Amino acid sequence: MIKAESLFDGENPQEFYEHVFRMLQDYLGTRRLKAAAGITGQIIDELDTRGIGQDVIDRIREVFYKCYVARYTQEANDRDEMKKTLNALAYALDRLNREVKL
């Protein structure tokens, strides 16, 4: 999270979203015992989501979507959108750490 926050203050939204994407992949892969590289927004429905609230799943999907938009389109990402993404990520990770047992 600290790295993502430091990249948020930078001038490179692509780098920010790339880091957020990889961090979310690694976290979910570790927590759900899957290969991190295989974790994507589309596979979230195939993961074991027992014990994860729908609001957390929705935030995870939102973060993946924002990362895809930043990575695969020329759409500009302003600071407000980056902040929303950072907040959604922080919320999801916090809730996963508190509520979900490995």
N, C-alpha and C. Protein backbone atom coordinates (compact mmCIF):
# COMPACT_ATOMS: atom_id res chain seq x y z
N MET A 1 0.82 -1.19 0.00
CA MET A 1 0.00 0.00 0.00
C MET A 1 0.86 1.25 0.00
N ILE A 2 1.96 1.20 0.72
CA ILE A 2 2.83 2.37 0.79
C ILE A 2 3.37 2.72 -0.59
N LYS A 3 3.77 1.70 -1.35
CA LYS A 3 4.27 1.94 -2.71
C LYS A 3 3.17 2.53 -3.58
N ALA A 4 1.96 2.01 -3.48
CA ALA A 4 0.84 2.54 -4.27
C ALA A 4 0.58 3.99 -3.91
N GLU A 5 0.62 4.30 -2.63
CA GLU A 5 0.42 5.68 -2.19
C GLU A 5 1.51 6.60 -2.72
N SER A 6 2.75 6.10 -2.74
CA SER A 6 3.83 6.93 -3.25
C SER A 6 3.70 7.14 -4.76
N LEU A 7 3.21 6.14 -5.48
CA LEU A 7 3.00 6.28 -6.92
C LEU A 7 1.80 7.17 -7.22
N PHE A 8 0.85 7.22 -6.31
CA PHE A 8 -0.31 8.10 -6.49
C PHE A 8 0.14 9.56 -6.58
N ASP A 9 1.15 9.90 -5.84
CA ASP A 9 1.65 11.27 -5.84
C ASP A 9 2.51 11.59 -7.06
N GLY A 10 2.83 10.56 -7.84
CA GLY A 10 3.69 10.76 -9.00
C GLY A 10 2.93 11.23 -10.22
N GLU A 11 3.65 11.33 -11.29
CA GLU A 11 3.09 11.83 -12.55
C GLU A 11 2.77 10.72 -13.54
N ASN A 12 2.87 9.47 -13.11
CA ASN A 12 2.71 8.37 -14.04
C ASN A 12 1.54 7.46 -13.63
N PRO A 13 0.33 7.75 -14.10
CA PRO A 13 -0.82 6.92 -13.75
C PRO A 13 -0.65 5.47 -14.19
N GLN A 14 0.02 5.23 -15.33
CA GLN A 14 0.23 3.86 -15.81
C GLN A 14 0.99 3.04 -14.78
N GLU A 15 2.04 3.62 -14.23
CA GLU A 15 2.83 2.91 -13.24
C GLU A 15 2.01 2.64 -11.97
N PHE A 16 1.22 3.62 -11.57
CA PHE A 16 0.35 3.46 -10.41
C PHE A 16 -0.60 2.28 -10.60
N TYR A 17 -1.31 2.26 -11.73
CA TYR A 17 -2.29 1.20 -11.97
C TYR A 17 -1.63 -0.16 -12.18
N GLU A 18 -0.46 -0.17 -12.78
CA GLU A 18 0.27 -1.44 -12.94
C GLU A 18 0.63 -2.01 -11.57
N HIS A 19 1.10 -1.15 -10.69
CA HIS A 19 1.46 -1.61 -9.33
C HIS A 19 0.22 -2.09 -8.58
N VAL A 20 -0.87 -1.35 -8.65
CA VAL A 20 -2.10 -1.73 -7.97
C VAL A 20 -2.59 -3.08 -8.49
N PHE A 21 -2.55 -3.27 -9.80
CA PHE A 21 -2.98 -4.53 -10.41
C PHE A 21 -2.15 -5.70 -9.90
N ARG A 22 -0.83 -5.56 -9.94
CA ARG A 22 0.07 -6.64 -9.47
C ARG A 22 -0.11 -6.91 -7.98
N MET A 23 -0.28 -5.84 -7.21
CA MET A 23 -0.45 -6.01 -5.77
C MET A 23 -1.73 -6.79 -5.47
N LEU A 24 -2.82 -6.46 -6.15
CA LEU A 24 -4.08 -7.15 -5.93
C LEU A 24 -3.98 -8.60 -6.40
N GLN A 25 -3.33 -8.84 -7.52
CA GLN A 25 -3.10 -10.21 -7.98
C GLN A 25 -2.34 -11.02 -6.94
N ASP A 26 -1.23 -10.47 -6.47
CA ASP A 26 -0.39 -11.18 -5.50
C ASP A 26 -1.15 -11.46 -4.21
N TYR A 27 -1.87 -10.46 -3.74
CA TYR A 27 -2.60 -10.62 -2.48
C TYR A 27 -3.67 -11.70 -2.60
N LEU A 28 -4.49 -11.62 -3.64
CA LEU A 28 -5.56 -12.61 -3.80
C LEU A 28 -4.99 -13.99 -4.10
N GLY A 29 -3.92 -14.05 -4.87
CA GLY A 29 -3.30 -15.34 -5.15
C GLY A 29 -2.79 -16.00 -3.88
N THR A 30 -2.17 -15.22 -3.04
CA THR A 30 -1.64 -15.74 -1.79
C THR A 30 -2.77 -16.17 -0.86
N ARG A 31 -3.78 -15.34 -0.74
CA ARG A 31 -4.89 -15.63 0.17
C ARG A 31 -5.75 -16.80 -0.30
N ARG A 32 -5.82 -17.00 -1.60
CA ARG A 32 -6.68 -18.06 -2.15
C ARG A 32 -5.89 -19.20 -2.76
N LEU A 33 -4.58 -19.22 -2.52
CA LEU A 33 -3.71 -20.30 -2.95
C LEU A 33 -3.82 -20.58 -4.45
N LYS A 34 -3.77 -19.54 -5.22
CA LYS A 34 -3.80 -19.63 -6.68
C LYS A 34 -2.55 -18.95 -7.23
N ALA A 35 -2.20 -19.29 -8.46
CA ALA A 35 -1.08 -18.60 -9.10
C ALA A 35 -1.48 -17.14 -9.31
N ALA A 36 -0.67 -16.23 -8.79
CA ALA A 36 -1.01 -14.81 -8.82
C ALA A 36 -1.23 -14.30 -10.24
N ALA A 37 -0.44 -14.78 -11.18
CA ALA A 37 -0.57 -14.30 -12.56
C ALA A 37 -1.91 -14.66 -13.17
N GLY A 38 -2.59 -15.65 -12.62
CA GLY A 38 -3.88 -16.06 -13.14
C GLY A 38 -5.05 -15.31 -12.53
N ILE A 39 -4.80 -14.45 -11.58
CA ILE A 39 -5.87 -13.70 -10.93
C ILE A 39 -6.18 -12.46 -11.76
N THR A 40 -7.41 -12.40 -12.22
CA THR A 40 -7.87 -11.25 -13.01
C THR A 40 -9.27 -10.89 -12.53
N GLY A 41 -9.78 -9.81 -13.05
CA GLY A 41 -11.13 -9.40 -12.72
C GLY A 41 -12.16 -10.44 -13.13
N GLN A 42 -11.91 -11.14 -14.23
CA GLN A 42 -12.85 -12.14 -14.72
C GLN A 42 -12.85 -13.41 -13.87
N ILE A 43 -11.74 -13.72 -13.25
CA ILE A 43 -11.65 -14.98 -12.51
C ILE A 43 -12.16 -14.84 -11.08
N ILE A 44 -12.47 -13.64 -10.66
CA ILE A 44 -12.90 -13.43 -9.28
C ILE A 44 -14.10 -14.31 -8.93
N ASP A 45 -14.98 -14.58 -9.89
CA ASP A 45 -16.13 -15.44 -9.63
C ASP A 45 -15.76 -16.89 -9.44
N GLU A 46 -14.58 -17.28 -9.90
CA GLU A 46 -14.13 -18.66 -9.77
C GLU A 46 -13.35 -18.90 -8.48
N LEU A 47 -12.95 -17.83 -7.81
CA LEU A 47 -12.23 -17.98 -6.56
C LEU A 47 -13.19 -18.36 -5.44
N ASP A 48 -12.65 -18.97 -4.42
CA ASP A 48 -13.44 -19.26 -3.22
C ASP A 48 -13.69 -17.94 -2.51
N THR A 49 -14.91 -17.46 -2.54
CA THR A 49 -15.22 -16.17 -1.93
C THR A 49 -16.04 -16.31 -0.66
N ARG A 50 -16.04 -17.52 -0.09
CA ARG A 50 -16.75 -17.69 1.18
C ARG A 50 -16.14 -16.75 2.21
N GLY A 51 -17.00 -16.10 2.95
CA GLY A 51 -16.55 -15.21 4.00
C GLY A 51 -16.20 -13.81 3.52
N ILE A 52 -16.33 -13.57 2.22
CA ILE A 52 -16.04 -12.25 1.68
C ILE A 52 -17.36 -11.57 1.35
N GLY A 53 -17.60 -10.41 1.92
CA GLY A 53 -18.83 -9.68 1.66
C GLY A 53 -18.93 -9.21 0.22
N GLN A 54 -20.15 -9.07 -0.26
CA GLN A 54 -20.37 -8.64 -1.64
C GLN A 54 -19.77 -7.26 -1.89
N ASP A 55 -19.80 -6.39 -0.88
CA ASP A 55 -19.22 -5.06 -1.07
C ASP A 55 -17.72 -5.13 -1.32
N VAL A 56 -17.05 -6.09 -0.69
CA VAL A 56 -15.61 -6.26 -0.90
C VAL A 56 -15.35 -6.81 -2.30
N ILE A 57 -16.14 -7.78 -2.72
CA ILE A 57 -16.00 -8.34 -4.07
C ILE A 57 -16.24 -7.24 -5.10
N ASP A 58 -17.24 -6.41 -4.87
CA ASP A 58 -17.52 -5.31 -5.81
C ASP A 58 -16.36 -4.33 -5.88
N ARG A 59 -15.73 -4.05 -4.75
CA ARG A 59 -14.58 -3.14 -4.75
C ARG A 59 -13.40 -3.76 -5.49
N ILE A 60 -13.20 -5.05 -5.32
CA ILE A 60 -12.11 -5.74 -6.02
C ILE A 60 -12.34 -5.66 -7.53
N ARG A 61 -13.56 -5.93 -7.95
CA ARG A 61 -13.90 -5.82 -9.38
C ARG A 61 -13.66 -4.40 -9.88
N GLU A 62 -14.06 -3.41 -9.08
CA GLU A 62 -13.88 -2.01 -9.45
C GLU A 62 -12.40 -1.68 -9.65
N VAL A 63 -11.56 -2.15 -8.75
CA VAL A 63 -10.12 -1.89 -8.86
C VAL A 63 -9.56 -2.55 -10.11
N PHE A 64 -9.91 -3.82 -10.34
CA PHE A 64 -9.45 -4.48 -11.56
C PHE A 64 -9.91 -3.72 -12.80
N TYR A 65 -11.16 -3.28 -12.82
CA TYR A 65 -11.68 -2.56 -13.98
C TYR A 65 -10.88 -1.28 -14.23
N LYS A 66 -10.64 -0.51 -13.18
CA LYS A 66 -9.88 0.74 -13.33
C LYS A 66 -8.47 0.44 -13.84
N CYS A 67 -7.88 -0.63 -13.39
CA CYS A 67 -6.55 -1.01 -13.86
C CYS A 67 -6.59 -1.38 -15.34
N TYR A 68 -7.62 -2.12 -15.77
CA TYR A 68 -7.74 -2.47 -17.18
C TYR A 68 -7.90 -1.23 -18.04
N VAL A 69 -8.74 -0.32 -17.61
CA VAL A 69 -8.95 0.91 -18.37
C VAL A 69 -7.63 1.65 -18.53
N ALA A 70 -6.87 1.77 -17.45
CA ALA A 70 -5.59 2.49 -17.50
C ALA A 70 -4.57 1.76 -18.36
N ARG A 71 -4.57 0.44 -18.33
CA ARG A 71 -3.56 -0.33 -19.04
C ARG A 71 -3.85 -0.47 -20.53
N TYR A 72 -5.12 -0.57 -20.90
CA TYR A 72 -5.44 -0.95 -22.26
C TYR A 72 -6.16 0.11 -23.08
N THR A 73 -6.34 1.28 -22.55
CA THR A 73 -6.96 2.36 -23.31
C THR A 73 -6.13 3.62 -23.17
N GLN A 74 -6.46 4.59 -23.96
CA GLN A 74 -5.79 5.88 -23.88
C GLN A 74 -6.54 6.85 -22.98
N GLU A 75 -7.57 6.35 -22.32
CA GLU A 75 -8.37 7.20 -21.44
C GLU A 75 -7.51 7.78 -20.33
N ALA A 76 -7.63 9.06 -20.13
CA ALA A 76 -6.84 9.74 -19.09
C ALA A 76 -7.36 9.35 -17.71
N ASN A 77 -6.46 9.21 -16.79
CA ASN A 77 -6.81 8.90 -15.41
C ASN A 77 -6.42 10.09 -14.55
N ASP A 78 -7.43 10.79 -14.08
CA ASP A 78 -7.13 11.95 -13.26
C ASP A 78 -6.92 11.54 -11.81
N ARG A 79 -6.46 12.46 -11.03
CA ARG A 79 -6.14 12.19 -9.63
C ARG A 79 -7.35 11.73 -8.84
N ASP A 80 -8.54 12.26 -9.17
CA ASP A 80 -9.74 11.84 -8.46
C ASP A 80 -10.02 10.36 -8.67
N GLU A 81 -9.88 9.90 -9.91
CA GLU A 81 -10.09 8.48 -10.19
C GLU A 81 -9.02 7.61 -9.53
N MET A 82 -7.80 8.10 -9.56
CA MET A 82 -6.72 7.36 -8.91
C MET A 82 -6.97 7.27 -7.40
N LYS A 83 -7.45 8.34 -6.80
CA LYS A 83 -7.74 8.35 -5.37
C LYS A 83 -8.87 7.39 -5.04
N LYS A 84 -9.92 7.36 -5.89
CA LYS A 84 -11.02 6.42 -5.69
C LYS A 84 -10.51 4.98 -5.76
N THR A 85 -9.63 4.72 -6.71
CA THR A 85 -9.06 3.38 -6.84
C THR A 85 -8.24 3.02 -5.62
N LEU A 86 -7.43 3.94 -5.16
CA LEU A 86 -6.61 3.70 -3.96
C LEU A 86 -7.49 3.45 -2.74
N ASN A 87 -8.56 4.22 -2.60
CA ASN A 87 -9.48 4.03 -1.48
C ASN A 87 -10.20 2.69 -1.56
N ALA A 88 -10.63 2.31 -2.76
CA ALA A 88 -11.30 1.02 -2.94
C ALA A 88 -10.36 -0.13 -2.62
N LEU A 89 -9.12 -0.01 -3.04
CA LEU A 89 -8.12 -1.03 -2.74
C LEU A 89 -7.87 -1.12 -1.24
N ALA A 90 -7.69 0.00 -0.59
CA ALA A 90 -7.44 0.01 0.85
C ALA A 90 -8.62 -0.60 1.60
N TYR A 91 -9.82 -0.26 1.20
CA TYR A 91 -11.02 -0.80 1.84
C TYR A 91 -11.07 -2.32 1.68
N ALA A 92 -10.89 -2.79 0.45
CA ALA A 92 -10.97 -4.23 0.19
C ALA A 92 -9.91 -5.00 0.95
N LEU A 93 -8.68 -4.53 0.93
CA LEU A 93 -7.61 -5.23 1.63
C LEU A 93 -7.82 -5.22 3.14
N ASP A 94 -8.28 -4.10 3.66
CA ASP A 94 -8.56 -4.01 5.10
C ASP A 94 -9.63 -5.01 5.51
N ARG A 95 -10.71 -5.04 4.75
CA ARG A 95 -11.81 -5.97 5.07
C ARG A 95 -11.37 -7.42 4.92
N LEU A 96 -10.58 -7.71 3.88
CA LEU A 96 -10.09 -9.08 3.71
C LEU A 96 -9.20 -9.48 4.87
N ASN A 97 -8.35 -8.58 5.31
CA ASN A 97 -7.47 -8.89 6.44
C ASN A 97 -8.22 -9.11 7.73
N ARG A 98 -9.31 -8.41 7.91
CA ARG A 98 -10.09 -8.52 9.14
C ARG A 98 -11.02 -9.71 9.16
N GLU A 99 -11.64 -10.00 8.02
CA GLU A 99 -12.77 -10.93 8.02
C GLU A 99 -12.49 -12.31 7.47
N VAL A 100 -11.56 -12.43 6.59
CA VAL A 100 -11.41 -13.69 5.86
C VAL A 100 -10.29 -14.52 6.45
N LYS A 101 -10.64 -15.75 6.73
CA LYS A 101 -9.65 -16.71 7.23
C LYS A 101 -9.10 -17.49 6.03
N LEU A 102 -7.82 -17.72 6.05
CA LEU A 102 -7.18 -18.46 4.96
C LEU A 102 -7.59 -19.91 5.01
